[in-house]
Amino acid sequence: MAMTKEVVILIADDDAGHARLIEKNLARVALHNQIERFEDGQQILDFLLGRGPGRKREPDTPYLLLLDIRMPKVDGIEVLRQIKADSELRKIPISMLTTTDDPREVERCHALGCNNYIVKPVDYEKFAEAVKQLGLFVSLVEVPEIRAKDTSNDAMI
């Protein structure tokens, strides 16, 4: 019987304080998954798409992405669009985790394929509670593995 790999949590947030709070509060709900942090949208895209220097995703590993909208280089909306346009990466559950509560932005993210949209509360206790709920979600959700890109030529028969 094959063992299922543990979900790796990806945090794409340019605010180091928010990222640390997310990690701390996930640990508080006994969620000890591996966490990888990215400071801008370009870094997370390069990681997932296997481009440029630096870290790359592992094939056959399940990922879950916590994605901020307002980030430098490439914003979260564009990251979401590119991930959901890829036949393998589109399987990654994406939670938008942002300070933006504009209903148009919420609608846009859902239309592009985000799995949920969480507004970061300004109040620390509310933020901690939101992350706790997110941790419970992560502990219960089944996430598919993301396979390596197939480089064979499918056109040849």
Protein backbone atom coordinates (compact mmCIF):
# COMPACT_ATOMS: atom_id res chain seq x y z
CA MET A 1 0.00 0.00 0.00
CA ALA A 2 1.49 3.37 -1.04
CA MET A 3 2.03 6.00 1.61
CA THR A 4 0.48 9.38 0.88
CA LYS A 5 2.90 12.28 1.08
CA GLU A 6 2.09 15.04 3.54
CA VAL A 7 0.80 18.28 2.05
CA VAL A 8 3.45 21.00 1.76
CA ILE A 9 2.03 24.42 2.60
CA LEU A 10 3.23 27.24 0.37
CA ILE A 11 2.89 30.79 1.70
CA ALA A 12 3.25 33.60 -0.84
CA ASP A 13 3.13 36.83 1.15
CA ASP A 14 5.49 39.80 1.02
CA ASP A 15 4.70 40.74 4.64
CA ALA A 16 7.13 38.73 6.80
CA GLY A 17 5.09 39.50 9.93
CA HIS A 18 1.91 38.05 8.41
CA ALA A 19 3.80 34.98 7.19
CA ARG A 20 5.25 34.35 10.69
CA LEU A 21 1.80 34.75 12.26
CA ILE A 22 0.36 32.25 9.79
CA GLU A 23 3.12 29.73 10.57
CA LYS A 24 2.81 30.24 14.34
CA ASN A 25 -0.97 29.84 14.32
CA LEU A 26 -0.87 26.77 12.08
CA ALA A 27 1.52 25.20 14.61
CA ARG A 28 -0.90 26.13 17.43
CA VAL A 29 -3.52 23.87 15.87
CA ALA A 30 -0.95 21.03 15.76
CA LEU A 31 -0.37 21.37 12.03
CA HIS A 32 3.30 20.61 11.50
CA ASN A 33 3.41 20.29 7.72
CA GLN A 34 6.46 21.52 5.87
CA ILE A 35 6.05 25.21 5.02
CA GLU A 36 7.78 27.01 2.16
CA ARG A 37 7.61 30.83 2.07
CA PHE A 38 7.87 33.09 -0.97
CA GLU A 39 8.12 36.88 -0.82
CA ASP A 40 6.63 37.75 -4.21
CA GLY A 41 4.54 36.31 -7.00
CA GLN A 42 7.48 35.71 -9.30
CA GLN A 43 9.21 33.48 -6.72
CA ILE A 44 6.16 31.21 -6.28
CA LEU A 45 5.61 30.97 -10.06
CA ASP A 46 9.28 30.08 -10.65
CA PHE A 47 9.08 27.44 -7.90
CA LEU A 48 5.91 25.84 -9.25
CA LEU A 49 6.75 26.12 -12.95
CA GLY A 50 10.39 25.07 -12.50
CA ARG A 51 11.84 28.27 -13.98
CA GLY A 52 14.92 30.31 -13.13
CA PRO A 53 17.41 29.80 -10.29
CA GLY A 54 16.42 28.70 -6.80
CA ARG A 55 14.08 26.16 -5.28
CA LYS A 56 11.81 24.01 -7.45
CA ARG A 57 8.75 21.96 -6.58
CA GLU A 58 9.11 18.25 -6.02
CA PRO A 59 7.21 15.99 -8.44
CA ASP A 60 4.43 13.82 -7.02
CA THR A 61 4.06 16.09 -3.98
CA PRO A 62 0.75 17.57 -2.82
CA TYR A 63 0.82 21.34 -2.26
CA LEU A 64 -1.60 23.85 -0.81
CA LEU A 65 -1.02 27.55 -1.53
CA LEU A 66 -1.87 30.47 0.77
CA LEU A 67 -1.67 33.41 -1.60
CA ASP A 68 -1.67 37.13 -0.85
CA ILE A 69 -3.07 39.41 -3.54
CA ARG A 70 -0.94 42.53 -3.12
CA MET A 71 2.65 41.46 -3.78
CA PRO A 72 5.61 42.87 -5.70
CA LYS A 73 6.74 41.69 -9.16
CA VAL A 74 3.66 39.56 -9.91
CA ASP A 75 0.44 40.05 -7.94
CA GLY A 76 -1.61 37.20 -6.48
CA ILE A 77 -4.36 37.51 -9.09
CA GLU A 78 -1.88 36.86 -11.90
CA VAL A 79 -0.27 34.00 -9.93
CA LEU A 80 -3.72 32.46 -9.48
CA ARG A 81 -4.49 32.88 -13.20
CA GLN A 82 -1.24 31.21 -14.30
CA ILE A 83 -1.53 28.31 -11.86
CA LYS A 84 -5.14 27.55 -12.79
CA ALA A 85 -4.24 27.72 -16.51
CA ASP A 86 -1.70 24.88 -16.11
CA SER A 87 -3.11 21.34 -16.52
CA GLU A 88 -1.18 19.91 -13.53
CA LEU A 89 -0.83 22.94 -11.26
CA ARG A 90 -4.56 23.70 -11.43
CA LYS A 91 -5.03 20.82 -8.94
CA ILE A 92 -3.35 22.86 -6.19
CA PRO A 93 -5.92 24.19 -3.70
CA ILE A 94 -5.41 27.94 -3.38
CA SER A 95 -6.61 30.03 -0.47
CA MET A 96 -6.45 33.74 -1.09
CA LEU A 97 -5.31 35.28 2.20
CA THR A 98 -5.47 39.05 1.89
CA THR A 99 -6.49 42.34 3.49
CA THR A 100 -8.71 43.12 0.47
CA ASP A 101 -12.42 42.58 1.14
CA ASP A 102 -13.68 44.22 -2.07
CA PRO A 103 -16.57 42.01 -3.33
CA ARG A 104 -15.37 42.45 -6.94
CA GLU A 105 -11.95 41.08 -5.97
CA VAL A 106 -13.56 38.13 -4.15
CA GLU A 107 -15.70 37.39 -7.23
CA ARG A 108 -12.70 37.70 -9.56
CA CYS A 109 -10.59 35.27 -7.49
CA HIS A 110 -13.38 32.69 -7.37
CA ALA A 111 -13.97 33.07 -11.12
CA LEU A 112 -10.26 32.33 -11.68
CA GLY A 113 -10.49 29.19 -9.55
CA CYS A 114 -9.44 29.96 -5.98
CA ASN A 115 -10.79 27.49 -3.44
CA ASN A 116 -11.47 30.00 -0.71
CA TYR A 117 -10.95 33.66 0.08
CA ILE A 118 -9.95 34.71 3.57
CA VAL A 119 -9.71 38.36 4.60
CA LYS A 120 -6.81 38.99 6.99
CA PRO A 121 -8.37 40.73 10.00
CA VAL A 122 -6.40 43.70 11.34
CA ASP A 123 -7.06 42.53 14.92
CA TYR A 124 -4.50 39.92 16.04
CA GLU A 125 -7.00 37.66 17.85
CA LYS A 126 -9.31 37.60 14.83
CA PHE A 127 -6.35 36.89 12.55
CA ALA A 128 -5.22 34.03 14.83
CA GLU A 129 -8.75 32.59 14.78
CA ALA A 130 -8.93 32.83 10.96
CA VAL A 131 -5.62 30.97 10.64
CA LYS A 132 -6.80 28.38 13.17
CA GLN A 133 -9.87 27.73 11.00
CA LEU A 134 -7.60 27.52 7.96
CA GLY A 135 -5.44 24.98 9.84
CA LEU A 136 -8.50 22.83 10.50
CA PHE A 137 -9.37 23.01 6.81
CA VAL A 138 -5.81 22.00 5.83
CA SER A 139 -5.88 19.04 8.24
CA LEU A 140 -9.08 17.70 6.67
CA VAL A 141 -8.67 18.41 2.95
CA GLU A 142 -7.41 15.76 0.53
CA VAL A 143 -4.91 17.27 -1.90
CA PRO A 144 -3.83 15.55 -5.14
CA GLU A 145 -0.16 15.11 -5.93
CA ILE A 146 1.21 17.34 -8.67
CA ARG A 147 3.08 15.29 -11.22
CA ALA A 148 6.22 16.21 -13.09
CA LYS A 149 5.79 17.69 -16.54
CA ASP A 150 5.65 14.99 -19.22
CA THR A 151 8.41 15.79 -21.67
CA SER A 152 7.68 12.90 -24.04
CA ASN A 153 6.27 13.62 -27.44
CA ASP A 154 2.63 12.50 -27.27
CA ALA A 155 2.14 13.20 -30.98
CA MET A 156 4.23 10.20 -31.98
CA ILE A 157 2.17 6.99 -32.34
